[in-house]
Amino acid sequence: MQVRPGDMDMEQVNAGDNAGEVEGQDVNEDVNGSTEAVEPTELDTATPGDLLRALPAEAQKRGSKFVSAQAMQARLFSVYDAAAAAEDALALVQQQLTLTLNRGYYGPDEIESMADQLDSLLALESLDLSEGDLVTGE
């Protein structure tokens, strides 16, 4: 079953272990309004990792230091097509989408690490090396 942002009501979100207070932040605050979009002008030049990196700043604008799992899921879906360019990047996005189903929130450091990993995997795929460019063991 695929869960999309907005499919869960607050009662379902609060039913897990992450309900209530999380390091002084209310989980409901993190969930509500956490799928704010990146500005369209930024989308043209942003890498998939940049789109993920924007999430903590968006949460901070709303006064929260955490990003809801629903916001993370929505953003992962938004980079899904770009990640499909590289098998390992797609596997990373698919794995993270699965993990969002059992999470309440993500911290900025965790998102930064994931964004770096995604951009790195996509950069490796974009290198167009011919056999002549590869080093041999001669």
C-alpha atoms as a PDB file:
ATOM      1  CA  MET A   1       0.000   0.000   0.000  1.00  0.00           C
ATOM      2  CA  GLN A   2       1.383   3.346  -1.022  1.00  0.00           C
ATOM      3  CA  VAL A   3       0.826   6.228   1.387  1.00  0.00           C
ATOM      4  CA  ARG A   4       0.775   9.740  -0.007  1.00  0.00           C
ATOM      5  CA  PRO A   5       0.895  12.992   1.952  1.00  0.00           C
ATOM      6  CA  GLY A   6      -2.587  13.886   3.082  1.00  0.00           C
ATOM      7  CA  ASP A   7      -3.820  10.278   3.151  1.00  0.00           C
ATOM      8  CA  MET A   8      -3.307  10.000   6.897  1.00  0.00           C
ATOM      9  CA  ASP A   9      -5.277  11.961   9.437  1.00  0.00           C
ATOM     10  CA  MET A  10      -3.633  13.353  12.545  1.00  0.00           C
ATOM     11  CA  GLU A  11      -5.026  10.529  14.685  1.00  0.00           C
ATOM     12  CA  GLN A  12      -3.114   7.985  12.587  1.00  0.00           C
ATOM     13  CA  VAL A  13       0.071  10.064  12.690  1.00  0.00           C
ATOM     14  CA  ASN A  14      -0.107  10.410  16.472  1.00  0.00           C
ATOM     15  CA  ALA A  15      -0.783   6.697  16.999  1.00  0.00           C
ATOM     16  CA  GLY A  16       2.917   5.780  16.733  1.00  0.00           C
ATOM     17  CA  ASP A  17       5.719   6.006  19.249  1.00  0.00           C
ATOM     18  CA  ASN A  18       6.674   9.448  17.964  1.00  0.00           C
ATOM     19  CA  ALA A  19       3.461  11.134  19.145  1.00  0.00           C
ATOM     20  CA  GLY A  20       3.623  14.057  21.550  1.00  0.00           C
ATOM     21  CA  GLU A  21       6.695  16.041  22.408  1.00  0.00           C
ATOM     22  CA  VAL A  22      10.000  15.402  20.609  1.00  0.00           C
ATOM     23  CA  GLU A  23      12.898  17.371  22.076  1.00  0.00           C
ATOM     24  CA  GLY A  24      10.623  20.300  22.864  1.00  0.00           C
ATOM     25  CA  GLN A  25       8.898  20.253  19.467  1.00  0.00           C
ATOM     26  CA  ASP A  26       5.327  19.134  19.012  1.00  0.00           C
ATOM     27  CA  VAL A  27       5.074  16.401  16.369  1.00  0.00           C
ATOM     28  CA  ASN A  28       1.774  17.861  15.145  1.00  0.00           C
ATOM     29  CA  GLU A  29       3.591  21.110  14.397  1.00  0.00           C
ATOM     30  CA  ASP A  30       6.085  19.200  12.264  1.00  0.00           C
ATOM     31  CA  VAL A  31       3.361  17.380  10.322  1.00  0.00           C
ATOM     32  CA  ASN A  32       1.079  20.336   9.643  1.00  0.00           C
ATOM     33  CA  GLY A  33       2.108  22.376   6.607  1.00  0.00           C
ATOM     34  CA  SER A  34       5.331  20.473   6.111  1.00  0.00           C
ATOM     35  CA  THR A  35       4.948  19.876   2.382  1.00  0.00           C
ATOM     36  CA  GLU A  36       5.654  23.480   1.402  1.00  0.00           C
ATOM     37  CA  ALA A  37       7.051  23.550  -2.132  1.00  0.00           C
ATOM     38  CA  VAL A  38      10.399  24.895  -3.280  1.00  0.00           C
ATOM     39  CA  GLU A  39      10.144  28.068  -5.355  1.00  0.00           C
ATOM     40  CA  PRO A  40       9.753  27.275  -9.104  1.00  0.00           C
ATOM     41  CA  THR A  41      12.818  29.348 -10.025  1.00  0.00           C
ATOM     42  CA  GLU A  42      14.921  27.153  -7.737  1.00  0.00           C
ATOM     43  CA  LEU A  43      13.628  23.953  -9.329  1.00  0.00           C
ATOM     44  CA  ASP A  44      15.251  24.668 -12.689  1.00  0.00           C
ATOM     45  CA  THR A  45      18.829  24.449 -11.407  1.00  0.00           C
ATOM     46  CA  ALA A  46      18.409  22.374  -8.247  1.00  0.00           C
ATOM     47  CA  THR A  47      19.819  18.873  -8.020  1.00  0.00           C
ATOM     48  CA  PRO A  48      17.731  16.145  -6.368  1.00  0.00           C
ATOM     49  CA  GLY A  49      19.956  16.539  -3.309  1.00  0.00           C
ATOM     50  CA  ASP A  50      19.308  20.293  -3.261  1.00  0.00           C
ATOM     51  CA  LEU A  51      15.576  19.626  -3.196  1.00  0.00           C
ATOM     52  CA  LEU A  52      16.061  17.407  -0.137  1.00  0.00           C
ATOM     53  CA  ARG A  53      18.392  19.957   1.483  1.00  0.00           C
ATOM     54  CA  ALA A  54      15.669  22.618   1.223  1.00  0.00           C
ATOM     55  CA  LEU A  55      13.420  20.702   3.639  1.00  0.00           C
ATOM     56  CA  PRO A  56      15.159  21.708   6.903  1.00  0.00           C
ATOM     57  CA  ALA A  57      15.110  25.392   5.874  1.00  0.00           C
ATOM     58  CA  GLU A  58      11.396  25.139   5.085  1.00  0.00           C
ATOM     59  CA  ALA A  59      10.752  23.536   8.480  1.00  0.00           C
ATOM     60  CA  GLN A  60      12.843  26.205  10.207  1.00  0.00           C
ATOM     61  CA  LYS A  61      10.739  28.940   8.556  1.00  0.00           C
ATOM     62  CA  ARG A  62       7.743  27.362  10.267  1.00  0.00           C
ATOM     63  CA  GLY A  63       9.570  27.307  13.598  1.00  0.00           C
ATOM     64  CA  SER A  64      10.486  23.611  13.716  1.00  0.00           C
ATOM     65  CA  LYS A  65      13.888  21.973  13.617  1.00  0.00           C
ATOM     66  CA  PHE A  66      12.454  18.672  12.384  1.00  0.00           C
ATOM     67  CA  VAL A  67      10.976  17.632   9.033  1.00  0.00           C
ATOM     68  CA  SER A  68       7.922  15.408   9.096  1.00  0.00           C
ATOM     69  CA  ALA A  69       8.103  11.994   7.486  1.00  0.00           C
ATOM     70  CA  GLN A  70       5.188  13.060   5.268  1.00  0.00           C
ATOM     71  CA  ALA A  71       7.151  16.049   3.956  1.00  0.00           C
ATOM     72  CA  MET A  72      10.160  13.810   3.402  1.00  0.00           C
ATOM     73  CA  GLN A  73       7.999  11.312   1.539  1.00  0.00           C
ATOM     74  CA  ALA A  74       6.525  14.020  -0.699  1.00  0.00           C
ATOM     75  CA  ARG A  75       9.988  15.366  -1.527  1.00  0.00           C
ATOM     76  CA  LEU A  76      11.350  11.872  -2.221  1.00  0.00           C
ATOM     77  CA  PHE A  77       8.505  11.337  -4.672  1.00  0.00           C
ATOM     78  CA  SER A  78       9.438  14.632  -6.344  1.00  0.00           C
ATOM     79  CA  VAL A  79      13.014  13.422  -7.014  1.00  0.00           C
ATOM     80  CA  TYR A  80      11.983   9.881  -7.977  1.00  0.00           C
ATOM     81  CA  ASP A  81      12.233  10.443 -11.750  1.00  0.00           C
ATOM     82  CA  ALA A  82      15.679  12.050 -11.505  1.00  0.00           C
ATOM     83  CA  ALA A  83      16.888   9.212  -9.282  1.00  0.00           C
ATOM     84  CA  ALA A  84      15.716   6.700 -11.878  1.00  0.00           C
ATOM     85  CA  ALA A  85      18.702   7.794 -13.996  1.00  0.00           C
ATOM     86  CA  ALA A  86      20.962   5.713 -11.753  1.00  0.00           C
ATOM     87  CA  GLU A  87      20.092   2.305 -10.350  1.00  0.00           C
ATOM     88  CA  ASP A  88      21.800   2.945  -6.990  1.00  0.00           C
ATOM     89  CA  ALA A  89      20.172   6.367  -6.616  1.00  0.00           C
ATOM     90  CA  LEU A  90      16.754   4.889  -7.342  1.00  0.00           C
ATOM     91  CA  ALA A  91      17.389   2.141  -4.771  1.00  0.00           C
ATOM     92  CA  LEU A  92      18.293   4.815  -2.188  1.00  0.00           C
ATOM     93  CA  VAL A  93      15.088   6.779  -2.840  1.00  0.00           C
ATOM     94  CA  GLN A  94      12.960   3.626  -2.747  1.00  0.00           C
ATOM     95  CA  GLN A  95      14.562   2.541   0.530  1.00  0.00           C
ATOM     96  CA  GLN A  96      13.993   5.961   2.088  1.00  0.00           C
ATOM     97  CA  LEU A  97      10.370   6.026   0.916  1.00  0.00           C
ATOM     98  CA  THR A  98       9.826   2.707   2.683  1.00  0.00           C
ATOM     99  CA  LEU A  99      11.443   4.051   5.851  1.00  0.00           C
ATOM    100  CA  THR A 100       9.160   7.111   5.916  1.00  0.00           C
ATOM    101  CA  LEU A 101       6.219   4.821   6.645  1.00  0.00           C
ATOM    102  CA  ASN A 102       7.645   3.986  10.082  1.00  0.00           C
ATOM    103  CA  ARG A 103       9.027   7.419  10.972  1.00  0.00           C
ATOM    104  CA  GLY A 104       7.649  10.555  12.531  1.00  0.00           C
ATOM    105  CA  TYR A 105      10.347  13.059  11.598  1.00  0.00           C
ATOM    106  CA  TYR A 106      13.841  13.567  10.134  1.00  0.00           C
ATOM    107  CA  GLY A 107      16.646  15.732  11.476  1.00  0.00           C
ATOM    108  CA  PRO A 108      18.596  18.192   9.296  1.00  0.00           C
ATOM    109  CA  ASP A 109      21.868  16.218   9.515  1.00  0.00           C
ATOM    110  CA  GLU A 110      20.163  13.034   8.373  1.00  0.00           C
ATOM    111  CA  ILE A 111      18.617  14.817   5.381  1.00  0.00           C
ATOM    112  CA  GLU A 112      21.941  16.446   4.463  1.00  0.00           C
ATOM    113  CA  SER A 113      23.672  13.065   4.501  1.00  0.00           C
ATOM    114  CA  MET A 114      20.964  11.514   2.347  1.00  0.00           C
ATOM    115  CA  ALA A 115      21.094  14.455  -0.099  1.00  0.00           C
ATOM    116  CA  ASP A 116      24.885  14.155  -0.415  1.00  0.00           C
ATOM    117  CA  GLN A 117      24.577  10.439  -1.054  1.00  0.00           C
ATOM    118  CA  LEU A 118      21.896  10.959  -3.715  1.00  0.00           C
ATOM    119  CA  ASP A 119      23.847  13.672  -5.550  1.00  0.00           C
ATOM    120  CA  SER A 120      26.987  11.555  -5.399  1.00  0.00           C
ATOM    121  CA  LEU A 121      25.238   8.539  -6.904  1.00  0.00           C
ATOM    122  CA  LEU A 122      23.731  10.652  -9.681  1.00  0.00           C
ATOM    123  CA  ALA A 123      27.063  12.385 -10.393  1.00  0.00           C
ATOM    124  CA  LEU A 124      28.782   9.026 -10.815  1.00  0.00           C
ATOM    125  CA  GLU A 125      26.096   7.941 -13.271  1.00  0.00           C
ATOM    126  CA  SER A 126      26.443  11.145 -15.280  1.00  0.00           C
ATOM    127  CA  LEU A 127      30.166  10.608 -15.906  1.00  0.00           C
ATOM    128  CA  ASP A 128      30.445   9.540 -19.506  1.00  0.00           C
ATOM    129  CA  LEU A 129      33.625   7.492 -19.599  1.00  0.00           C
ATOM    130  CA  SER A 130      34.590   5.451 -22.592  1.00  0.00           C
ATOM    131  CA  GLU A 131      36.723   2.317 -22.338  1.00  0.00           C
ATOM    132  CA  GLY A 132      39.758   4.336 -23.427  1.00  0.00           C
ATOM    133  CA  ASP A 133      39.306   6.622 -20.411  1.00  0.00           C
ATOM    134  CA  LEU A 134      39.415   3.754 -17.926  1.00  0.00           C
ATOM    135  CA  VAL A 135      42.728   2.871 -16.292  1.00  0.00           C
ATOM    136  CA  THR A 136      43.908  -0.662 -16.900  1.00  0.00           C
ATOM    137  CA  GLY A 137      46.153  -2.730 -14.686  1.00  0.00           C
ATOM    138  CA  GLU A 138      49.104  -2.764 -17.109  1.00  0.00           C
END
